[in-house]
């Protein structure tokens, strides 16, 4: 990991690195080895998080379900404040253990979770029927947004899992072969 003091000055300013915790900087601490790539990743992440049609709650549910399949412990441990403000609770996160049995989730949330889950586990199973199910709940623009967001989570979550950056995480994410985002302590980012 690149210490913040050694970040490229443009990258450090772009992300206000001096004002962020190591956990908030996340994978960027490794991406900082390639500053131009890191700046591009920050730009993509910003576009996916700021110019959205989908709710924070829905995207957080999808992100956490993908994180489970990726086994990205950092991704599973964190919660974003916008999602909490939008109704995400730890009880709702626990429903992700069996999302298709949960009364806590809407049909639209289940369809989005299923899509993200398939993208993370068996992307070639995503067929016209899966997209038709999504179209019952989402516009074409929202489906494109969901797909881009899921692709970001799948790709960078898998990379993050291999980098195993768990130092700042609660102890339950340091142990065992399989971690889960449900059933324990989590960290809310600022």
C-alpha atoms as a PDB file:
ATOM      1  CA  UNK A   1       0.000   0.000   0.000  1.00  0.00           C
ATOM      2  CA  UNK A   2       1.190   3.477  -0.834  1.00  0.00           C
ATOM      3  CA  UNK A   3       1.262   5.793   2.200  1.00  0.00           C
ATOM      4  CA  UNK A   4      -0.889   8.901   1.709  1.00  0.00           C
ATOM      5  CA  UNK A   5       2.203  11.106   1.988  1.00  0.00           C
ATOM      6  CA  UNK A   6       3.570   9.344  -1.114  1.00  0.00           C
ATOM      7  CA  UNK A   7       0.373   9.653  -3.200  1.00  0.00           C
ATOM      8  CA  UNK A   8       0.681  11.523  -6.460  1.00  0.00           C
ATOM      9  CA  UNK A   9      -0.207  15.151  -5.514  1.00  0.00           C
ATOM     10  CA  UNK A  10      -3.055  15.330  -8.041  1.00  0.00           C
ATOM     11  CA  UNK A  11      -4.543  12.062  -6.761  1.00  0.00           C
ATOM     12  CA  UNK A  12      -4.111  13.119  -3.127  1.00  0.00           C
ATOM     13  CA  UNK A  13      -5.995  16.363  -3.841  1.00  0.00           C
ATOM     14  CA  UNK A  14      -8.675  14.662  -5.974  1.00  0.00           C
ATOM     15  CA  UNK A  15      -9.732  12.356  -3.154  1.00  0.00           C
ATOM     16  CA  UNK A  16      -8.840  14.659  -0.227  1.00  0.00           C
ATOM     17  CA  UNK A  17      -6.618  11.809   0.950  1.00  0.00           C
ATOM     18  CA  UNK A  18      -5.239  13.750   3.910  1.00  0.00           C
ATOM     19  CA  UNK A  19      -8.777  13.959   5.337  1.00  0.00           C
ATOM     20  CA  UNK A  20      -9.727  10.297   4.875  1.00  0.00           C
ATOM     21  CA  UNK A  21      -9.186   7.219   6.986  1.00  0.00           C
ATOM     22  CA  UNK A  22      -7.245   4.269   5.561  1.00  0.00           C
ATOM     23  CA  UNK A  23     -10.515   2.336   5.314  1.00  0.00           C
ATOM     24  CA  UNK A  24     -12.158   5.169   3.359  1.00  0.00           C
ATOM     25  CA  UNK A  25      -9.225   5.157   0.932  1.00  0.00           C
ATOM     26  CA  UNK A  26      -9.584   1.387   0.543  1.00  0.00           C
ATOM     27  CA  UNK A  27      -8.103  -0.146  -2.597  1.00  0.00           C
ATOM     28  CA  UNK A  28      -6.976   3.278  -3.750  1.00  0.00           C
ATOM     29  CA  UNK A  29      -3.965   2.798  -1.466  1.00  0.00           C
ATOM     30  CA  UNK A  30      -2.741   0.107  -3.863  1.00  0.00           C
ATOM     31  CA  UNK A  31      -4.030   1.703  -7.065  1.00  0.00           C
ATOM     32  CA  UNK A  32      -1.922   4.741  -6.095  1.00  0.00           C
ATOM     33  CA  UNK A  33       1.074   2.870  -7.534  1.00  0.00           C
ATOM     34  CA  UNK A  34      -0.432   3.837 -10.924  1.00  0.00           C
ATOM     35  CA  UNK A  35      -1.725   7.390 -10.392  1.00  0.00           C
ATOM     36  CA  UNK A  36      -3.302   7.856 -13.833  1.00  0.00           C
ATOM     37  CA  UNK A  37      -5.210   4.600 -13.441  1.00  0.00           C
ATOM     38  CA  UNK A  38      -6.201   5.523  -9.888  1.00  0.00           C
ATOM     39  CA  UNK A  39      -7.571   8.889 -11.059  1.00  0.00           C
ATOM     40  CA  UNK A  40      -9.596   7.130 -13.787  1.00  0.00           C
ATOM     41  CA  UNK A  41     -10.999   4.648 -11.263  1.00  0.00           C
ATOM     42  CA  UNK A  42     -11.955   7.523  -8.953  1.00  0.00           C
ATOM     43  CA  UNK A  43     -13.713   9.217 -11.877  1.00  0.00           C
ATOM     44  CA  UNK A  44     -15.670   6.085 -12.772  1.00  0.00           C
ATOM     45  CA  UNK A  45     -16.603   5.490  -9.150  1.00  0.00           C
ATOM     46  CA  UNK A  46     -17.744   9.099  -8.809  1.00  0.00           C
ATOM     47  CA  UNK A  47     -19.914   8.833 -11.933  1.00  0.00           C
ATOM     48  CA  UNK A  48     -21.468   5.589 -10.701  1.00  0.00           C
ATOM     49  CA  UNK A  49     -22.213   7.122  -7.289  1.00  0.00           C
ATOM     50  CA  UNK A  50     -23.282  10.658  -8.137  1.00  0.00           C
ATOM     51  CA  UNK A  51     -25.193  10.578 -11.424  1.00  0.00           C
ATOM     52  CA  UNK A  52     -27.708   7.851 -10.584  1.00  0.00           C
ATOM     53  CA  UNK A  53     -31.261   6.841 -11.187  1.00  0.00           C
ATOM     54  CA  UNK A  54     -31.275   3.914  -8.737  1.00  0.00           C
ATOM     55  CA  UNK A  55     -31.651   4.292  -4.981  1.00  0.00           C
ATOM     56  CA  UNK A  56     -28.806   4.067  -2.496  1.00  0.00           C
ATOM     57  CA  UNK A  57     -30.619   1.284  -0.658  1.00  0.00           C
ATOM     58  CA  UNK A  58     -31.032  -0.879  -3.765  1.00  0.00           C
ATOM     59  CA  UNK A  59     -27.424  -0.425  -4.875  1.00  0.00           C
ATOM     60  CA  UNK A  60     -26.113  -1.158  -1.390  1.00  0.00           C
ATOM     61  CA  UNK A  61     -28.128  -4.386  -1.203  1.00  0.00           C
ATOM     62  CA  UNK A  62     -26.784  -5.470  -4.584  1.00  0.00           C
ATOM     63  CA  UNK A  63     -23.221  -4.455  -3.642  1.00  0.00           C
ATOM     64  CA  UNK A  64     -23.324  -6.457  -0.417  1.00  0.00           C
ATOM     65  CA  UNK A  65     -24.718  -9.582  -2.106  1.00  0.00           C
ATOM     66  CA  UNK A  66     -21.978  -9.370  -4.765  1.00  0.00           C
ATOM     67  CA  UNK A  67     -19.383  -8.819  -2.018  1.00  0.00           C
ATOM     68  CA  UNK A  68     -20.454 -12.081  -0.405  1.00  0.00           C
ATOM     69  CA  UNK A  69     -19.847 -14.019  -3.622  1.00  0.00           C
ATOM     70  CA  UNK A  70     -16.570 -12.183  -4.238  1.00  0.00           C
ATOM     71  CA  UNK A  71     -15.549 -12.760  -0.615  1.00  0.00           C
ATOM     72  CA  UNK A  72     -14.235  -9.209  -0.511  1.00  0.00           C
ATOM     73  CA  UNK A  73     -14.100  -8.721   3.226  1.00  0.00           C
ATOM     74  CA  UNK A  74     -13.659  -4.965   3.030  1.00  0.00           C
ATOM     75  CA  UNK A  75     -16.702  -4.684   0.763  1.00  0.00           C
ATOM     76  CA  UNK A  76     -18.745  -6.779   3.192  1.00  0.00           C
ATOM     77  CA  UNK A  77     -17.634  -4.847   6.263  1.00  0.00           C
ATOM     78  CA  UNK A  78     -18.548  -1.333   5.144  1.00  0.00           C
ATOM     79  CA  UNK A  79     -21.873   0.442   4.848  1.00  0.00           C
ATOM     80  CA  UNK A  80     -22.388   3.715   3.026  1.00  0.00           C
ATOM     81  CA  UNK A  81     -24.257   6.467   4.893  1.00  0.00           C
ATOM     82  CA  UNK A  82     -26.483   7.301   1.907  1.00  0.00           C
ATOM     83  CA  UNK A  83     -27.856   3.768   1.973  1.00  0.00           C
ATOM     84  CA  UNK A  84     -28.504   3.949   5.707  1.00  0.00           C
ATOM     85  CA  UNK A  85     -30.324   7.246   5.212  1.00  0.00           C
ATOM     86  CA  UNK A  86     -32.307   5.517   2.450  1.00  0.00           C
ATOM     87  CA  UNK A  87     -33.547   2.764   4.784  1.00  0.00           C
ATOM     88  CA  UNK A  88     -30.754   0.187   4.898  1.00  0.00           C
ATOM     89  CA  UNK A  89     -30.636  -1.540   8.283  1.00  0.00           C
ATOM     90  CA  UNK A  90     -28.581  -4.451   9.532  1.00  0.00           C
ATOM     91  CA  UNK A  91     -31.830  -6.448   9.676  1.00  0.00           C
ATOM     92  CA  UNK A  92     -32.228  -5.784   5.955  1.00  0.00           C
ATOM     93  CA  UNK A  93     -28.605  -6.781   5.351  1.00  0.00           C
ATOM     94  CA  UNK A  94     -29.333 -10.046   7.199  1.00  0.00           C
ATOM     95  CA  UNK A  95     -32.140 -10.710   4.706  1.00  0.00           C
ATOM     96  CA  UNK A  96     -29.432 -11.033   2.044  1.00  0.00           C
ATOM     97  CA  UNK A  97     -28.571 -14.460   3.433  1.00  0.00           C
ATOM     98  CA  UNK A  98     -31.790 -15.734   1.820  1.00  0.00           C
ATOM     99  CA  UNK A  99     -33.000 -12.832  -0.333  1.00  0.00           C
ATOM    100  CA  UNK A 100     -35.643 -14.796  -2.225  1.00  0.00           C
ATOM    101  CA  UNK A 101     -37.364 -15.773   1.022  1.00  0.00           C
ATOM    102  CA  UNK A 102     -37.268 -12.322   2.596  1.00  0.00           C
ATOM    103  CA  UNK A 103     -40.389 -10.254   3.183  1.00  0.00           C
ATOM    104  CA  UNK A 104     -38.117  -7.251   3.789  1.00  0.00           C
ATOM    105  CA  UNK A 105     -37.159  -6.910   0.113  1.00  0.00           C
ATOM    106  CA  UNK A 106     -39.295  -5.588  -2.722  1.00  0.00           C
ATOM    107  CA  UNK A 107     -39.720  -7.510  -5.967  1.00  0.00           C
ATOM    108  CA  UNK A 108     -37.559  -4.877  -7.699  1.00  0.00           C
ATOM    109  CA  UNK A 109     -34.795  -5.345  -5.105  1.00  0.00           C
ATOM    110  CA  UNK A 110     -34.942  -9.128  -5.501  1.00  0.00           C
ATOM    111  CA  UNK A 111     -34.706  -8.799  -9.306  1.00  0.00           C
ATOM    112  CA  UNK A 112     -31.686  -6.483  -9.014  1.00  0.00           C
ATOM    113  CA  UNK A 113     -30.042  -8.748  -6.428  1.00  0.00           C
ATOM    114  CA  UNK A 114     -30.594 -11.771  -8.666  1.00  0.00           C
ATOM    115  CA  UNK A 115     -29.006  -9.936 -11.604  1.00  0.00           C
ATOM    116  CA  UNK A 116     -25.965  -8.907  -9.529  1.00  0.00           C
ATOM    117  CA  UNK A 117     -25.683 -12.402  -8.096  1.00  0.00           C
ATOM    118  CA  UNK A 118     -25.722 -13.950 -11.570  1.00  0.00           C
ATOM    119  CA  UNK A 119     -23.160 -11.474 -12.856  1.00  0.00           C
ATOM    120  CA  UNK A 120     -20.907 -12.475  -9.943  1.00  0.00           C
ATOM    121  CA  UNK A 121     -21.454 -16.237 -10.161  1.00  0.00           C
ATOM    122  CA  UNK A 122     -22.712 -17.340 -13.587  1.00  0.00           C
ATOM    123  CA  UNK A 123     -22.827 -14.394 -15.975  1.00  0.00           C
ATOM    124  CA  UNK A 124     -23.678 -16.555 -18.991  1.00  0.00           C
ATOM    125  CA  UNK A 125     -26.947 -17.498 -17.281  1.00  0.00           C
ATOM    126  CA  UNK A 126     -28.115 -13.908 -17.753  1.00  0.00           C
ATOM    127  CA  UNK A 127     -30.522 -14.273 -20.652  1.00  0.00           C
ATOM    128  CA  UNK A 128     -33.570 -12.555 -22.090  1.00  0.00           C
ATOM    129  CA  UNK A 129     -35.741 -13.857 -19.249  1.00  0.00           C
ATOM    130  CA  UNK A 130     -33.496 -12.174 -16.653  1.00  0.00           C
ATOM    131  CA  UNK A 131     -33.636  -8.888 -18.577  1.00  0.00           C
ATOM    132  CA  UNK A 132     -37.401  -9.227 -19.040  1.00  0.00           C
ATOM    133  CA  UNK A 133     -37.727  -9.626 -15.265  1.00  0.00           C
ATOM    134  CA  UNK A 134     -35.631  -6.489 -14.734  1.00  0.00           C
ATOM    135  CA  UNK A 135     -37.791  -4.573 -17.248  1.00  0.00           C
ATOM    136  CA  UNK A 136     -40.823  -5.205 -15.049  1.00  0.00           C
ATOM    137  CA  UNK A 137     -39.224  -2.935 -12.443  1.00  0.00           C
ATOM    138  CA  UNK A 138     -36.649  -0.762 -14.178  1.00  0.00           C
ATOM    139  CA  UNK A 139     -36.240   1.418 -17.259  1.00  0.00           C
ATOM    140  CA  UNK A 140     -33.569   0.628 -19.852  1.00  0.00           C
ATOM    141  CA  UNK A 141     -31.452   3.459 -18.419  1.00  0.00           C
ATOM    142  CA  UNK A 142     -31.727   1.968 -14.941  1.00  0.00           C
ATOM    143  CA  UNK A 143     -30.792  -1.495 -16.229  1.00  0.00           C
ATOM    144  CA  UNK A 144     -27.678  -0.075 -17.899  1.00  0.00           C
ATOM    145  CA  UNK A 145     -26.818   1.742 -14.671  1.00  0.00           C
ATOM    146  CA  UNK A 146     -27.350  -1.434 -12.649  1.00  0.00           C
ATOM    147  CA  UNK A 147     -25.184  -3.445 -15.038  1.00  0.00           C
ATOM    148  CA  UNK A 148     -22.325  -0.933 -14.920  1.00  0.00           C
ATOM    149  CA  UNK A 149     -22.521  -0.721 -11.144  1.00  0.00           C
ATOM    150  CA  UNK A 150     -22.541  -4.513 -10.791  1.00  0.00           C
ATOM    151  CA  UNK A 151     -19.587  -4.866 -13.173  1.00  0.00           C
ATOM    152  CA  UNK A 152     -17.637  -2.347 -11.073  1.00  0.00           C
ATOM    153  CA  UNK A 153     -18.471  -4.256  -7.875  1.00  0.00           C
ATOM    154  CA  UNK A 154     -17.678  -7.676  -9.336  1.00  0.00           C
ATOM    155  CA  UNK A 155     -14.358  -6.670 -10.871  1.00  0.00           C
ATOM    156  CA  UNK A 156     -12.940  -4.462  -8.149  1.00  0.00           C
ATOM    157  CA  UNK A 157     -14.424  -6.630  -5.394  1.00  0.00           C
ATOM    158  CA  UNK A 158     -12.624  -9.680  -6.726  1.00  0.00           C
ATOM    159  CA  UNK A 159      -9.410  -7.730  -6.994  1.00  0.00           C
ATOM    160  CA  UNK A 160      -9.894  -6.442  -3.462  1.00  0.00           C
ATOM    161  CA  UNK A 161     -10.462  -9.974  -2.191  1.00  0.00           C
ATOM    162  CA  UNK A 162      -7.094 -11.048  -3.594  1.00  0.00           C
ATOM    163  CA  UNK A 163      -5.357  -8.078  -1.990  1.00  0.00           C
ATOM    164  CA  UNK A 164      -6.918  -9.100   1.369  1.00  0.00           C
ATOM    165  CA  UNK A 165      -6.740  -5.648   2.960  1.00  0.00           C
ATOM    166  CA  UNK A 166      -8.386  -6.512   6.276  1.00  0.00           C
ATOM    167  CA  UNK A 167      -6.272  -4.658   8.852  1.00  0.00           C
ATOM    168  CA  UNK A 168      -8.895  -1.998   9.661  1.00  0.00           C
ATOM    169  CA  UNK A 169     -11.857  -4.397   9.676  1.00  0.00           C
ATOM    170  CA  UNK A 170     -13.710  -5.868  12.663  1.00  0.00           C
ATOM    171  CA  UNK A 171     -12.171  -9.099  13.906  1.00  0.00           C
ATOM    172  CA  UNK A 172     -14.918 -11.300  12.440  1.00  0.00           C
ATOM    173  CA  UNK A 173     -13.598 -10.459   8.953  1.00  0.00           C
ATOM    174  CA  UNK A 174     -10.094 -11.700   9.820  1.00  0.00           C
ATOM    175  CA  UNK A 175     -11.063 -15.323  10.382  1.00  0.00           C
ATOM    176  CA  UNK A 176     -12.579 -18.286   8.609  1.00  0.00           C
ATOM    177  CA  UNK A 177     -12.851 -19.451   5.051  1.00  0.00           C
ATOM    178  CA  UNK A 178     -16.175 -17.748   4.286  1.00  0.00           C
ATOM    179  CA  UNK A 179     -17.199 -14.348   5.583  1.00  0.00           C
ATOM    180  CA  UNK A 180     -20.659 -12.795   5.322  1.00  0.00           C
ATOM    181  CA  UNK A 181     -21.901  -9.194   5.321  1.00  0.00           C
ATOM    182  CA  UNK A 182     -24.774 -10.233   7.589  1.00  0.00           C
ATOM    183  CA  UNK A 183     -24.819 -11.240  11.209  1.00  0.00           C
ATOM    184  CA  UNK A 184     -22.340  -8.944  12.883  1.00  0.00           C
ATOM    185  CA  UNK A 185     -20.506  -5.718  13.264  1.00  0.00           C
ATOM    186  CA  UNK A 186     -20.101  -3.399  10.269  1.00  0.00           C
ATOM    187  CA  UNK A 187     -18.431  -0.037   9.694  1.00  0.00           C
ATOM    188  CA  UNK A 188     -20.312   2.984   8.384  1.00  0.00           C
ATOM    189  CA  UNK A 189     -18.137   5.146   6.173  1.00  0.00           C
ATOM    190  CA  UNK A 190     -18.384   8.909   6.366  1.00  0.00           C
END
